[in-house]
N, C-alpha and C. Protein backbone atom coordinates (compact mmCIF):
# COMPACT_ATOMS: atom_id res chain seq x y z
N UNK A 1 -27.13 0.16 20.32
CA UNK A 1 -25.50 0.58 20.15
C UNK A 1 -25.55 0.95 18.56
N UNK A 2 -24.96 1.76 17.82
CA UNK A 2 -24.78 2.42 16.54
C UNK A 2 -23.75 0.90 16.08
N UNK A 3 -24.03 0.11 14.71
CA UNK A 3 -23.59 -0.29 14.17
C UNK A 3 -22.06 -0.10 13.65
N UNK A 4 -20.93 -0.95 13.11
CA UNK A 4 -20.11 -0.64 12.91
C UNK A 4 -19.75 -0.49 11.82
N UNK A 5 -18.99 0.55 11.31
CA UNK A 5 -18.88 0.87 9.62
C UNK A 5 -18.12 -0.15 9.17
N UNK A 6 -18.33 -1.04 7.96
CA UNK A 6 -17.64 -1.53 7.30
C UNK A 6 -16.17 -1.43 7.11
N UNK A 7 -15.20 -2.31 7.28
CA UNK A 7 -13.98 -2.23 7.27
C UNK A 7 -13.15 -3.32 6.56
N UNK A 8 -13.59 -4.51 6.29
CA UNK A 8 -13.36 -5.68 5.76
C UNK A 8 -12.70 -5.30 4.34
N UNK A 9 -13.35 -4.41 3.41
CA UNK A 9 -13.00 -4.09 2.30
C UNK A 9 -11.27 -3.13 2.53
N UNK A 10 -11.33 -2.18 3.37
CA UNK A 10 -10.51 -1.58 3.95
C UNK A 10 -8.61 -2.40 4.16
N UNK A 11 -9.38 -3.53 5.02
CA UNK A 11 -8.45 -4.36 5.37
C UNK A 11 -7.64 -5.10 3.94
N UNK A 12 -8.47 -5.88 3.26
CA UNK A 12 -8.12 -6.69 2.31
C UNK A 12 -7.36 -5.23 1.04
N UNK A 13 -7.81 -4.08 1.05
CA UNK A 13 -7.13 -3.06 0.17
C UNK A 13 -5.70 -3.31 0.46
N UNK A 14 -5.50 -3.09 2.04
CA UNK A 14 -4.04 -2.99 2.45
C UNK A 14 -3.50 -4.30 2.77
N UNK A 15 -3.85 -5.09 2.66
CA UNK A 15 -3.07 -6.24 2.46
C UNK A 15 -2.15 -6.46 1.21
N UNK A 16 -3.28 -6.52 0.27
CA UNK A 16 -3.02 -6.63 -1.40
C UNK A 16 -1.97 -5.27 -1.49
N UNK A 17 -2.39 -4.14 -1.19
CA UNK A 17 -0.79 -3.50 -1.30
C UNK A 17 0.42 -3.90 -0.44
N UNK A 18 0.29 -4.30 0.72
CA UNK A 18 1.60 -4.82 1.05
C UNK A 18 1.87 -5.95 0.33
N UNK A 19 1.13 -6.75 -0.05
CA UNK A 19 2.14 -7.50 -0.86
C UNK A 19 2.89 -7.25 -2.30
N UNK A 20 1.90 -6.52 -2.37
CA UNK A 20 2.64 -5.73 -3.94
C UNK A 20 4.05 -5.37 -3.35
N UNK A 21 4.61 -4.37 -2.08
CA UNK A 21 5.25 -3.75 -2.08
C UNK A 21 6.47 -4.81 -1.29
N UNK A 22 5.89 -5.85 -0.77
CA UNK A 22 6.77 -7.12 -0.21
C UNK A 22 7.64 -7.74 -1.69
N UNK A 23 6.82 -7.66 -2.95
CA UNK A 23 7.17 -8.43 -4.41
C UNK A 23 8.50 -7.24 -4.33
N UNK A 24 7.99 -6.03 -4.07
CA UNK A 24 9.02 -4.74 -4.58
C UNK A 24 10.30 -4.89 -4.06
N UNK A 25 10.24 -5.21 -2.63
CA UNK A 25 11.36 -5.09 -1.74
C UNK A 25 12.30 -6.38 -2.22
N UNK A 26 11.76 -7.35 -2.70
CA UNK A 26 12.17 -8.93 -2.93
C UNK A 26 13.16 -8.51 -4.01
N UNK A 27 12.38 -7.61 -5.24
CA UNK A 27 12.84 -7.54 -6.57
C UNK A 27 13.89 -6.27 -6.29
N UNK A 28 13.72 -5.32 -5.19
CA UNK A 28 15.01 -4.30 -5.13
C UNK A 28 16.11 -5.01 -4.29
N UNK A 29 15.76 -5.74 -3.54
CA UNK A 29 16.87 -6.57 -3.08
C UNK A 29 18.00 -7.39 -4.03
N UNK A 30 17.32 -7.84 -5.14
CA UNK A 30 17.73 -8.80 -6.41
C UNK A 30 18.80 -7.52 -7.07
N UNK A 31 18.11 -6.59 -7.16
CA UNK A 31 18.34 -5.25 -8.13
C UNK A 31 19.59 -4.97 -7.26
N UNK A 32 19.61 -4.86 -6.18
CA UNK A 32 20.28 -4.15 -5.16
C UNK A 32 22.00 -5.04 -5.55
N UNK A 33 21.69 -6.20 -5.40
CA UNK A 33 22.71 -7.18 -5.37
C UNK A 33 23.53 -7.37 -6.65
N UNK A 34 22.61 -6.80 -7.94
CA UNK A 34 23.64 -6.79 -9.01
C UNK A 34 23.73 -5.69 -8.76
N UNK A 35 23.75 -4.62 -8.72
CA UNK A 35 24.16 -3.52 -8.95
C UNK A 35 25.64 -3.49 -7.72
N UNK A 36 25.47 -3.97 -6.76
CA UNK A 36 26.82 -4.21 -6.07
C UNK A 36 28.06 -5.02 -6.48
N UNK A 37 27.44 -5.97 -7.36
CA UNK A 37 28.11 -7.03 -7.93
C UNK A 37 28.94 -5.94 -9.10
N UNK A 38 28.26 -5.04 -9.78
CA UNK A 38 29.01 -4.15 -10.52
C UNK A 38 29.62 -3.27 -9.97
N UNK A 39 29.52 -2.74 -9.10
CA UNK A 39 30.27 -1.61 -8.40
C UNK A 39 31.67 -2.63 -7.87
N UNK A 40 31.71 -3.89 -7.29
CA UNK A 40 32.70 -4.64 -6.93
C UNK A 40 33.64 -4.69 -7.97
N UNK A 41 32.87 -4.87 -9.33
CA UNK A 41 33.74 -5.30 -10.68
C UNK A 41 34.48 -4.07 -10.98
N UNK A 42 34.21 -2.72 -10.59
CA UNK A 42 34.60 -1.75 -11.07
C UNK A 42 35.93 -1.58 -10.10
N UNK A 43 35.39 -1.76 -8.79
CA UNK A 43 36.59 -1.64 -7.92
C UNK A 43 37.84 -2.74 -7.73
N UNK A 44 37.84 -3.88 -8.58
CA UNK A 44 38.40 -4.59 -9.03
C UNK A 44 39.05 -4.40 -10.31
N UNK A 45 39.27 -3.34 -10.99
CA UNK A 45 39.72 -2.70 -11.82
C UNK A 45 38.97 -3.55 -13.21
N UNK A 46 37.89 -3.74 -13.68
CA UNK A 46 37.32 -4.31 -14.58
C UNK A 46 36.86 -3.21 -15.06
N UNK A 47 36.58 -3.52 -16.75
CA UNK A 47 35.88 -2.29 -17.60
C UNK A 47 34.51 -2.33 -17.65
N UNK A 48 33.68 -1.81 -17.37
CA UNK A 48 32.05 -1.80 -17.61
C UNK A 48 31.67 -0.83 -18.90
N UNK A 49 31.08 -1.49 -19.88
CA UNK A 49 30.42 -0.62 -20.65
C UNK A 49 29.63 0.68 -20.37
N UNK A 50 29.22 1.16 -21.14
CA UNK A 50 28.48 2.12 -20.81
C UNK A 50 27.11 1.47 -21.10
N UNK A 51 26.73 0.64 -22.19
CA UNK A 51 25.48 0.27 -22.08
C UNK A 51 24.94 -0.90 -20.73
N UNK A 52 26.02 -1.69 -20.22
CA UNK A 52 25.96 -1.97 -19.05
C UNK A 52 25.46 -1.14 -17.76
N UNK A 53 26.12 -0.09 -17.15
CA UNK A 53 26.00 0.95 -16.61
C UNK A 53 24.78 1.53 -16.37
N UNK A 54 24.35 1.89 -18.44
CA UNK A 54 22.71 2.48 -18.30
C UNK A 54 21.88 1.44 -17.90
N UNK A 55 21.98 0.31 -18.50
CA UNK A 55 20.87 -0.58 -17.78
C UNK A 55 20.91 -0.72 -16.55
N UNK A 56 22.10 -1.10 -15.82
CA UNK A 56 21.78 -0.92 -14.09
C UNK A 56 20.81 0.65 -13.80
N UNK A 57 21.45 1.28 -14.28
CA UNK A 57 20.74 2.70 -13.50
C UNK A 57 19.35 3.21 -13.88
N UNK A 58 18.64 2.64 -15.18
CA UNK A 58 17.41 2.40 -15.57
C UNK A 58 16.88 1.29 -14.91
N UNK A 59 17.65 0.12 -14.73
CA UNK A 59 16.74 -0.59 -13.39
C UNK A 59 16.66 -0.03 -12.35
N UNK A 60 17.15 0.46 -12.02
CA UNK A 60 17.24 1.00 -10.53
C UNK A 60 16.52 1.92 -10.44
N UNK A 61 16.07 2.95 -11.41
CA UNK A 61 15.60 4.16 -11.05
C UNK A 61 13.87 3.52 -11.66
N UNK A 62 13.60 2.86 -12.31
CA UNK A 62 12.07 2.32 -12.64
C UNK A 62 11.72 1.49 -11.58
N UNK A 63 12.54 0.55 -10.31
CA UNK A 63 12.60 0.04 -9.69
C UNK A 63 12.65 1.01 -8.02
N UNK A 64 13.12 2.08 -7.80
CA UNK A 64 12.83 3.12 -7.26
C UNK A 64 11.60 3.85 -7.15
N UNK A 65 11.33 4.01 -8.60
CA UNK A 65 10.15 4.42 -8.85
C UNK A 65 8.38 3.82 -8.61
N UNK A 66 8.81 2.68 -8.77
CA UNK A 66 7.54 1.43 -8.48
C UNK A 66 7.59 1.45 -7.03
N UNK A 67 8.48 1.47 -6.29
CA UNK A 67 8.81 1.19 -4.64
C UNK A 67 7.95 2.52 -3.85
N UNK A 68 8.26 3.39 -4.55
CA UNK A 68 7.77 4.44 -3.61
C UNK A 68 6.68 4.67 -4.16
N UNK A 69 6.32 4.53 -5.49
CA UNK A 69 4.70 4.53 -5.73
C UNK A 69 3.69 4.08 -4.78
N UNK A 70 4.32 2.68 -4.78
CA UNK A 70 3.50 1.73 -3.86
C UNK A 70 3.56 1.52 -2.42
N UNK A 71 4.72 2.45 -2.18
CA UNK A 71 4.71 2.66 -0.54
C UNK A 71 3.56 3.76 0.06
N UNK A 72 3.70 4.68 -1.11
CA UNK A 72 2.60 6.05 -0.49
C UNK A 72 1.14 5.48 -0.77
N UNK A 73 0.79 4.77 -2.16
CA UNK A 73 -0.54 3.88 -2.00
C UNK A 73 -0.55 3.06 -0.78
N UNK A 74 0.00 2.46 -0.37
CA UNK A 74 0.07 1.15 0.65
C UNK A 74 -0.07 1.98 2.00
N UNK A 75 0.59 2.85 1.97
CA UNK A 75 0.36 3.47 3.93
C UNK A 75 -0.64 4.21 3.66
N UNK A 76 -1.10 5.33 2.50
CA UNK A 76 -2.49 5.68 2.42
C UNK A 76 -3.70 4.43 2.76
N UNK A 77 -3.65 3.40 2.44
CA UNK A 77 -4.75 2.29 2.59
C UNK A 77 -4.47 1.95 3.68
N UNK A 78 -3.20 1.72 4.39
CA UNK A 78 -2.82 1.32 5.87
C UNK A 78 -3.87 2.30 6.68
N UNK A 79 -3.41 3.23 6.33
CA UNK A 79 -3.97 4.21 7.58
C UNK A 79 -5.68 4.49 7.39
N UNK A 80 -6.41 4.44 5.90
CA UNK A 80 -7.67 4.31 6.14
C UNK A 80 -8.36 2.83 6.80
N UNK A 81 -7.54 2.19 6.95
CA UNK A 81 -8.40 0.80 7.13
C UNK A 81 -7.86 1.41 8.88
N UNK A 82 -6.67 1.74 9.43
CA UNK A 82 -6.05 1.67 10.92
C UNK A 82 -7.24 2.70 11.61
N UNK A 83 -7.87 4.07 10.94
CA UNK A 83 -8.53 5.15 11.24
C UNK A 83 -10.21 4.57 11.34
N UNK A 84 -10.53 3.84 10.60
CA UNK A 84 -12.14 3.01 10.08
C UNK A 84 -11.97 2.27 12.04
N UNK A 85 -10.75 1.22 11.67
CA UNK A 85 -10.82 0.34 12.80
C UNK A 85 -11.22 1.40 14.42
N UNK A 86 -10.38 2.10 14.66
CA UNK A 86 -10.70 3.11 15.88
C UNK A 86 -11.67 3.58 16.04
N UNK A 87 -12.26 4.07 15.13
CA UNK A 87 -13.77 4.77 14.76
C UNK A 87 -14.52 3.69 15.38
N UNK A 88 -14.48 2.61 15.15
CA UNK A 88 -15.49 1.79 15.20
C UNK A 88 -15.13 1.21 16.56
N UNK A 89 -13.95 1.16 17.15
CA UNK A 89 -13.93 1.09 18.79
C UNK A 89 -14.30 2.10 19.11
N UNK A 90 -14.54 3.06 19.06
CA UNK A 90 -15.08 4.05 19.84
C UNK A 90 -16.47 4.13 20.04
N UNK A 91 -17.19 3.55 18.85
CA UNK A 91 -18.33 3.30 19.16
C UNK A 91 -18.74 2.33 20.25
N UNK A 92 -17.86 1.35 20.43
CA UNK A 92 -18.37 0.36 21.49
C UNK A 92 -17.57 0.69 22.43
N UNK A 93 -16.94 1.54 23.29
CA UNK A 93 -15.93 1.68 24.06
C UNK A 93 -16.08 3.33 24.41
N UNK A 94 -15.76 3.58 25.73
CA UNK A 94 -15.80 4.75 26.25
C UNK A 94 -14.35 4.99 26.88
N UNK A 95 -14.25 6.03 26.89
CA UNK A 95 -12.64 6.89 27.17
C UNK A 95 -11.60 6.24 26.57
N UNK A 96 -11.26 6.01 25.51
CA UNK A 96 -10.04 5.69 25.05
C UNK A 96 -9.24 6.85 24.73
N UNK A 97 -7.84 6.58 24.60
CA UNK A 97 -7.08 7.66 25.04
C UNK A 97 -6.75 9.07 23.95
N UNK A 98 -7.32 8.59 22.66
CA UNK A 98 -7.14 9.39 21.57
C UNK A 98 -8.17 9.35 20.82
N UNK A 99 -8.20 10.74 20.57
CA UNK A 99 -9.73 10.87 19.23
C UNK A 99 -9.35 10.20 17.88
N UNK A 100 -10.47 9.89 17.58
CA UNK A 100 -10.10 8.80 16.29
C UNK A 100 -9.42 9.67 14.88
N UNK A 101 -9.18 10.55 15.33
CA UNK A 101 -8.71 11.33 14.06
C UNK A 101 -6.91 11.12 14.12
N UNK A 102 -6.71 10.82 15.24
CA UNK A 102 -5.25 10.59 15.61
C UNK A 102 -5.23 9.57 15.46
N UNK A 103 -5.59 8.68 14.96
CA UNK A 103 -5.19 7.49 13.97
C UNK A 103 -4.48 7.39 12.93
N UNK A 104 -5.09 8.37 12.15
CA UNK A 104 -4.32 9.10 11.09
C UNK A 104 -3.21 9.85 11.23
N UNK A 105 -3.67 10.93 12.13
CA UNK A 105 -2.66 12.10 12.03
C UNK A 105 -1.43 12.04 12.77
N UNK A 106 -1.58 10.95 13.61
CA UNK A 106 -0.27 10.84 14.27
C UNK A 106 1.08 10.51 13.49
N UNK A 107 0.57 9.70 12.45
CA UNK A 107 1.52 9.09 11.47
C UNK A 107 2.28 10.44 10.52
N UNK A 108 1.94 11.60 11.11
CA UNK A 108 2.53 12.73 10.02
C UNK A 108 3.26 13.74 10.91
N UNK A 109 3.00 13.51 12.38
CA UNK A 109 3.35 14.59 13.35
C UNK A 109 4.92 14.31 13.95
N UNK A 110 6.23 14.98 13.23
CA UNK A 110 7.37 14.43 13.84
C UNK A 110 7.16 14.38 15.06
N UNK A 111 8.35 13.60 15.74
CA UNK A 111 8.58 12.80 16.90
C UNK A 111 7.57 11.90 17.33
N UNK A 112 6.10 12.32 17.77
CA UNK A 112 5.24 11.85 17.79
C UNK A 112 4.80 10.38 16.85
N UNK A 113 5.43 10.67 15.42
CA UNK A 113 5.22 9.53 14.78
C UNK A 113 5.63 8.03 15.34
N UNK A 114 6.72 8.44 15.59
CA UNK A 114 7.63 7.47 16.11
C UNK A 114 7.06 6.35 17.65
N UNK A 115 5.91 6.77 18.28
CA UNK A 115 5.32 5.93 18.88
C UNK A 115 3.68 6.22 19.38
N UNK A 116 2.89 7.16 19.02
CA UNK A 116 1.63 7.85 19.02
C UNK A 116 0.80 6.28 18.37
N UNK A 117 1.65 6.26 16.87
CA UNK A 117 0.54 5.47 16.28
C UNK A 117 0.58 3.74 16.82
N UNK A 118 2.12 3.51 17.46
CA UNK A 118 1.78 2.05 17.97
C UNK A 118 1.01 2.05 19.78
N UNK A 119 0.77 3.24 19.99
CA UNK A 119 0.10 3.56 20.77
C UNK A 119 -1.25 3.15 20.76
N UNK A 120 -1.82 3.74 19.76
CA UNK A 120 -3.30 3.41 19.07
C UNK A 120 -3.65 2.17 19.11
N UNK A 121 -2.46 1.39 17.95
CA UNK A 121 -2.58 0.18 17.74
C UNK A 121 -2.59 -0.66 19.05
N UNK A 122 -1.90 -0.60 19.99
CA UNK A 122 -1.90 -1.50 20.89
C UNK A 122 -3.20 -1.63 21.53
N UNK A 123 -3.80 0.05 22.05
CA UNK A 123 -4.93 0.04 22.68
C UNK A 123 -6.05 -0.47 21.54
N UNK A 124 -6.23 -0.44 20.49
CA UNK A 124 -6.76 -1.14 19.22
C UNK A 124 -7.25 -2.44 19.91
N UNK A 125 -6.25 -3.31 19.94
CA UNK A 125 -5.86 -4.56 20.39
C UNK A 125 -6.53 -4.73 21.48
N UNK A 126 -6.13 -4.14 22.38
CA UNK A 126 -6.39 -4.81 23.96
C UNK A 126 -7.53 -4.41 24.54
N UNK A 127 -8.27 -3.38 23.99
CA UNK A 127 -9.54 -2.71 24.43
C UNK A 127 -10.41 -3.28 23.73
N UNK A 128 -10.15 -4.19 22.59
CA UNK A 128 -11.43 -5.12 21.70
C UNK A 128 -11.06 -6.53 22.60
N UNK A 129 -9.66 -7.01 23.10
CA UNK A 129 -9.87 -7.93 23.85
C UNK A 129 -10.83 -7.93 24.95
N UNK A 130 -10.53 -6.97 25.73
CA UNK A 130 -11.45 -7.05 26.80
C UNK A 130 -12.71 -6.64 26.57
N UNK A 131 -12.90 -6.08 25.60
CA UNK A 131 -14.65 -6.20 25.33
C UNK A 131 -15.52 -7.50 24.97
N UNK A 132 -14.43 -8.08 23.89
CA UNK A 132 -15.21 -9.25 23.65
C UNK A 132 -15.09 -10.43 24.98
N UNK A 133 -13.96 -10.72 25.63
CA UNK A 133 -13.93 -11.43 27.04
C UNK A 133 -15.17 -10.75 27.60
N UNK A 134 -15.03 -9.48 28.17
CA UNK A 134 -16.39 -8.73 29.41
C UNK A 134 -17.71 -9.44 28.37
N UNK A 135 -17.92 -9.33 27.20
CA UNK A 135 -19.35 -9.67 27.09
C UNK A 135 -19.61 -11.24 26.42
N UNK A 136 -18.53 -12.03 26.82
CA UNK A 136 -18.59 -13.72 26.57
C UNK A 136 -18.63 -13.79 25.39
N UNK A 137 -17.75 -13.03 24.28
CA UNK A 137 -18.42 -13.29 22.72
C UNK A 137 -17.04 -14.04 22.49
N UNK A 138 -16.98 -15.43 22.06
CA UNK A 138 -16.10 -16.18 21.27
C UNK A 138 -14.99 -15.62 20.78
N UNK A 139 -13.93 -15.63 20.72
CA UNK A 139 -12.97 -15.13 19.31
C UNK A 139 -11.49 -16.35 19.23
N UNK A 140 -10.92 -16.23 18.40
CA UNK A 140 -9.71 -17.02 18.17
C UNK A 140 -8.39 -16.49 19.23
N UNK A 141 -8.26 -17.66 19.98
CA UNK A 141 -7.64 -17.26 21.06
C UNK A 141 -5.88 -17.07 20.93
N UNK A 142 -5.76 -16.96 19.75
CA UNK A 142 -4.56 -16.40 19.02
C UNK A 142 -4.36 -14.92 19.21
N UNK A 143 -5.48 -14.69 18.85
CA UNK A 143 -5.60 -12.77 18.93
C UNK A 143 -4.98 -12.43 20.26
N UNK A 144 -3.82 -11.68 19.87
CA UNK A 144 -3.04 -10.83 21.32
C UNK A 144 -2.14 -10.15 20.69
N UNK A 145 -1.61 -9.17 21.58
CA UNK A 145 -0.30 -8.08 21.26
C UNK A 145 1.15 -8.51 20.81
N UNK A 146 1.39 -9.94 20.93
CA UNK A 146 2.91 -10.25 20.73
C UNK A 146 3.57 -10.08 19.45
N UNK A 147 2.73 -9.54 18.02
CA UNK A 147 3.53 -9.39 17.25
C UNK A 147 3.53 -7.59 16.99
N UNK A 148 2.80 -7.21 17.65
CA UNK A 148 2.89 -5.62 17.72
C UNK A 148 3.96 -5.05 17.97
N UNK A 149 5.19 -5.34 19.11
CA UNK A 149 6.24 -4.69 19.40
C UNK A 149 7.01 -5.14 18.59
N UNK A 150 7.28 -6.28 17.97
CA UNK A 150 8.28 -6.27 16.75
C UNK A 150 7.91 -5.80 15.55
N UNK A 151 6.93 -5.91 15.16
CA UNK A 151 6.04 -4.73 13.88
C UNK A 151 6.29 -3.47 13.92
N UNK A 152 6.18 -2.79 15.19
CA UNK A 152 6.88 -1.64 15.41
C UNK A 152 8.19 -1.19 15.34
N UNK A 153 9.11 -2.38 16.14
CA UNK A 153 10.63 -1.68 16.19
C UNK A 153 10.90 -2.10 14.63
N UNK A 154 10.29 -2.69 13.62
CA UNK A 154 11.13 -3.20 12.61
C UNK A 154 10.63 -1.80 11.54
N UNK A 155 9.07 -1.60 11.90
CA UNK A 155 8.82 -0.56 10.64
C UNK A 155 10.09 1.04 11.49
N UNK A 156 10.45 1.41 12.70
CA UNK A 156 11.19 2.46 12.88
C UNK A 156 12.82 2.21 12.18
N UNK A 157 13.20 0.80 12.09
CA UNK A 157 14.50 0.36 11.82
C UNK A 157 14.29 0.56 10.74
N UNK A 158 13.32 0.20 9.50
CA UNK A 158 13.34 0.38 8.10
C UNK A 158 12.76 2.26 7.85
N UNK A 159 12.24 2.59 8.53
CA UNK A 159 12.27 4.14 8.52
C UNK A 159 13.37 4.84 8.54
N UNK A 160 14.43 4.71 9.54
CA UNK A 160 15.69 4.98 9.77
C UNK A 160 16.75 5.06 8.59
N UNK A 161 16.89 3.00 8.44
CA UNK A 161 17.12 3.34 7.19
C UNK A 161 17.04 3.75 5.87
N UNK A 162 16.03 3.72 5.73
CA UNK A 162 15.13 4.66 4.66
C UNK A 162 15.78 6.13 4.53
N UNK A 163 15.71 6.66 5.51
CA UNK A 163 15.99 8.04 5.54
C UNK A 163 17.68 8.11 5.18
N UNK A 164 18.54 7.45 5.82
CA UNK A 164 20.04 7.07 5.62
C UNK A 164 20.22 6.93 4.09
N UNK A 165 19.53 6.03 3.39
CA UNK A 165 19.63 5.79 2.04
C UNK A 165 19.60 6.59 0.97
N UNK A 166 18.54 7.16 1.31
CA UNK A 166 17.78 8.75 0.57
C UNK A 166 18.58 9.68 1.00
N UNK A 167 19.16 10.18 1.80
CA UNK A 167 19.92 11.04 2.19
C UNK A 167 21.61 11.09 1.91
N UNK A 168 21.70 9.85 1.74
CA UNK A 168 23.75 9.55 1.45
C UNK A 168 23.60 9.12 -0.01
N UNK A 169 22.17 8.75 -0.47
CA UNK A 169 22.35 8.29 -1.98
C UNK A 169 22.19 10.09 -3.06
N UNK A 170 21.87 10.73 -2.38
CA UNK A 170 21.73 11.82 -2.89
C UNK A 170 23.09 12.76 -3.22
N UNK A 171 24.02 12.22 -2.14
CA UNK A 171 25.24 12.94 -2.44
C UNK A 171 26.32 12.24 -2.67
N UNK A 172 25.84 10.55 -2.72
CA UNK A 172 27.13 9.68 -3.36
C UNK A 172 27.82 9.95 -4.70
N UNK A 173 28.64 9.99 -4.79
CA UNK A 173 29.35 9.97 -6.30
C UNK A 173 30.77 9.16 -6.56
N UNK A 174 31.43 8.60 -5.63
CA UNK A 174 32.41 7.60 -5.61
C UNK A 174 32.07 6.72 -5.70
N UNK A 175 32.83 5.74 -6.11
CA UNK A 175 32.44 4.09 -5.87
C UNK A 175 32.11 3.59 -4.87
N UNK A 176 32.93 4.06 -3.81
CA UNK A 176 32.96 3.73 -2.24
C UNK A 176 31.71 4.23 -1.77
N UNK A 177 31.63 5.29 -2.12
CA UNK A 177 30.29 6.00 -1.70
C UNK A 177 29.02 5.34 -2.11
N UNK A 178 28.95 4.87 -3.16
CA UNK A 178 27.94 4.33 -3.95
C UNK A 178 27.92 3.05 -3.77
N UNK A 179 28.65 2.08 -2.71
CA UNK A 179 29.16 0.81 -2.67
C UNK A 179 27.96 1.15 -1.31
N UNK A 180 28.31 1.97 -0.37
CA UNK A 180 27.83 2.43 0.72
C UNK A 180 26.67 1.96 0.95
N UNK A 181 25.73 3.07 -0.71
CA UNK A 181 24.57 3.98 -0.30
C UNK A 181 23.93 2.16 -0.92
N UNK A 182 24.35 1.44 -1.73
CA UNK A 182 23.70 0.28 -2.46
C UNK A 182 23.35 -0.83 -0.92
N UNK A 183 24.94 -1.17 -0.02
CA UNK A 183 24.42 -2.06 0.88
C UNK A 183 23.41 -1.71 1.78
N UNK A 184 23.22 -0.34 2.07
CA UNK A 184 22.35 0.09 2.87
C UNK A 184 20.78 0.00 2.42
N UNK A 185 20.87 0.70 1.10
CA UNK A 185 19.57 -0.15 0.39
C UNK A 185 19.02 -1.67 0.63
N UNK A 186 20.04 -2.37 0.63
CA UNK A 186 19.76 -3.87 0.29
C UNK A 186 19.16 -4.37 1.59
N UNK A 187 19.94 -3.66 2.91
CA UNK A 187 19.52 -4.00 4.18
C UNK A 187 18.02 -3.72 4.63
N UNK A 188 17.97 -2.30 4.20
CA UNK A 188 16.56 -1.81 4.06
C UNK A 188 15.25 -2.87 3.44
N UNK A 189 16.22 -3.53 2.47
CA UNK A 189 15.01 -4.83 2.19
C UNK A 189 14.98 -5.51 2.71
N UNK A 190 15.65 -5.99 3.28
CA UNK A 190 16.03 -7.01 4.33
C UNK A 190 14.99 -7.24 5.25
N UNK A 191 14.95 -5.71 5.76
CA UNK A 191 14.16 -5.60 7.19
C UNK A 191 12.96 -5.23 6.17
N UNK A 192 12.80 -4.62 4.88
CA UNK A 192 11.29 -4.49 4.77
C UNK A 192 10.25 -5.78 4.68
N UNK A 193 11.11 -6.47 4.55
CA UNK A 193 10.46 -8.24 4.15
C UNK A 193 9.85 -8.86 5.24
N UNK A 194 10.10 -8.93 6.13
CA UNK A 194 9.67 -9.52 7.49
C UNK A 194 8.58 -8.26 8.36
N UNK A 195 9.08 -7.11 7.85
CA UNK A 195 8.04 -5.95 8.48
C UNK A 195 6.82 -6.53 7.29
N UNK A 196 7.16 -6.62 5.94
CA UNK A 196 5.64 -6.74 5.20
C UNK A 196 4.60 -7.75 5.92
N UNK A 197 5.14 -8.97 6.44
CA UNK A 197 4.49 -10.00 6.76
C UNK A 197 4.08 -9.66 7.82
N UNK A 198 4.58 -9.37 8.88
CA UNK A 198 3.87 -8.65 10.30
C UNK A 198 2.72 -7.88 9.92
N UNK A 199 3.41 -6.63 9.20
CA UNK A 199 1.53 -5.84 8.90
C UNK A 199 0.49 -6.42 8.59
N UNK A 200 0.72 -7.61 7.29
CA UNK A 200 -0.48 -8.35 6.77
C UNK A 200 -0.54 -8.80 8.07
N UNK A 201 0.22 -9.69 9.05
CA UNK A 201 -0.62 -10.37 10.28
C UNK A 201 -0.99 -9.70 11.00
N UNK A 202 -0.80 -8.27 11.30
CA UNK A 202 -1.53 -7.29 12.44
C UNK A 202 -2.71 -6.64 11.64
N UNK A 203 -3.22 -6.81 10.55
CA UNK A 203 -4.50 -6.38 10.16
C UNK A 203 -5.42 -7.58 9.75
N UNK A 204 -4.99 -8.49 9.53
CA UNK A 204 -5.96 -9.99 9.26
C UNK A 204 -6.14 -10.30 10.66
N UNK A 205 -5.31 -10.17 11.42
CA UNK A 205 -5.64 -10.59 13.03
C UNK A 205 -6.96 -9.80 13.51
N UNK A 206 -6.53 -8.10 13.36
CA UNK A 206 -7.42 -7.61 13.86
C UNK A 206 -9.16 -7.76 12.95
N UNK A 207 -8.65 -7.65 11.70
CA UNK A 207 -9.83 -7.95 10.95
C UNK A 207 -10.91 -9.03 10.92
N UNK A 208 -10.26 -9.88 11.75
CA UNK A 208 -10.95 -11.36 11.94
C UNK A 208 -11.77 -11.13 13.07
N UNK A 209 -11.44 -10.35 14.25
CA UNK A 209 -12.47 -10.07 15.14
C UNK A 209 -12.87 -9.09 15.70
N UNK A 210 -12.46 -8.20 14.53
CA UNK A 210 -13.59 -6.39 14.24
C UNK A 210 -14.79 -6.62 14.14
N UNK A 211 -15.27 -7.65 13.02
CA UNK A 211 -17.00 -7.75 13.32
C UNK A 211 -17.51 -8.13 14.81
N UNK A 212 -16.86 -9.09 15.28
CA UNK A 212 -17.50 -9.60 16.46
C UNK A 212 -17.78 -8.39 17.27
N UNK A 213 -17.33 -7.21 17.30
CA UNK A 213 -17.86 -6.36 18.70
C UNK A 213 -19.26 -5.83 18.00
N UNK A 214 -19.68 -5.89 16.86
CA UNK A 214 -21.13 -5.81 16.78
C UNK A 214 -22.05 -6.69 17.40
N UNK A 215 -21.69 -7.76 18.02
CA UNK A 215 -22.51 -8.60 19.01
C UNK A 215 -22.80 -7.87 20.32
N UNK A 216 -21.74 -6.94 20.62
CA UNK A 216 -22.18 -6.55 21.70
C UNK A 216 -23.15 -5.49 22.00
N UNK A 217 -24.22 -5.90 22.63
CA UNK A 217 -25.66 -5.32 22.85
C UNK A 217 -25.37 -4.11 23.81
N UNK A 218 -25.32 -4.26 25.26
CA UNK A 218 -24.82 -3.67 25.87
C UNK A 218 -24.36 -1.88 25.76
N UNK A 219 -24.78 -1.17 26.26
CA UNK A 219 -24.44 -0.02 26.02
C UNK A 219 -22.81 0.41 26.40
N UNK A 220 -22.09 1.75 26.21
CA UNK A 220 -20.68 1.78 26.61
C UNK A 220 -20.46 1.74 27.84
N UNK A 221 -21.57 2.69 28.39
CA UNK A 221 -21.73 3.30 29.92
C UNK A 221 -21.96 2.15 30.79
N UNK A 222 -22.32 0.87 30.44
CA UNK A 222 -22.07 -0.61 30.93
C UNK A 222 -21.20 -1.21 31.18
N UNK A 223 -20.19 -1.00 30.34
CA UNK A 223 -18.78 -1.89 30.17
C UNK A 223 -18.26 -1.20 31.19
């Protein structure tokens, strides 16, 4: 059978970038709290200097730009790893539910992106587990789908909150509206922290067992 294409470096790249996203989430949460305190001071009647307001806005803008860049690069890196993993599984298993291209494309199709990537990830785990078991290949007994449901639930929640924050912030003008946007952004950061840890776990767990698929010697038709 054809050997797997290397995927370890892609996994490492994805994990490293998610760690960066996690760090930015924490910084953004702290920055958001400072902005919330500033807005509360204004609500309570305190006078805020232009320098303080400008410094807050500059800080938030810089963090926002860094967050967007990190999210995009991290997302691309994750999808590259995910697609390669599904491609490799296609080399070892017949009758997978989707083509390898869907491991990348499904993230960009409206509505479909809410469930298809999860279905592919779950299949990646389940079929790999079945192949290793059928071929009597020893693997980490902790390898399971237990974390996938929570990972995907947090992903969906984070995306919905993120869309709300973006759209609401664009039209927020009053102190009350800015406060709502700030609180929503902080909630997004809070959700993003465990999401990052779970995404790292999902990648690491699978990348530990993926190379074991190379030990399968029988043809796909025999599985």
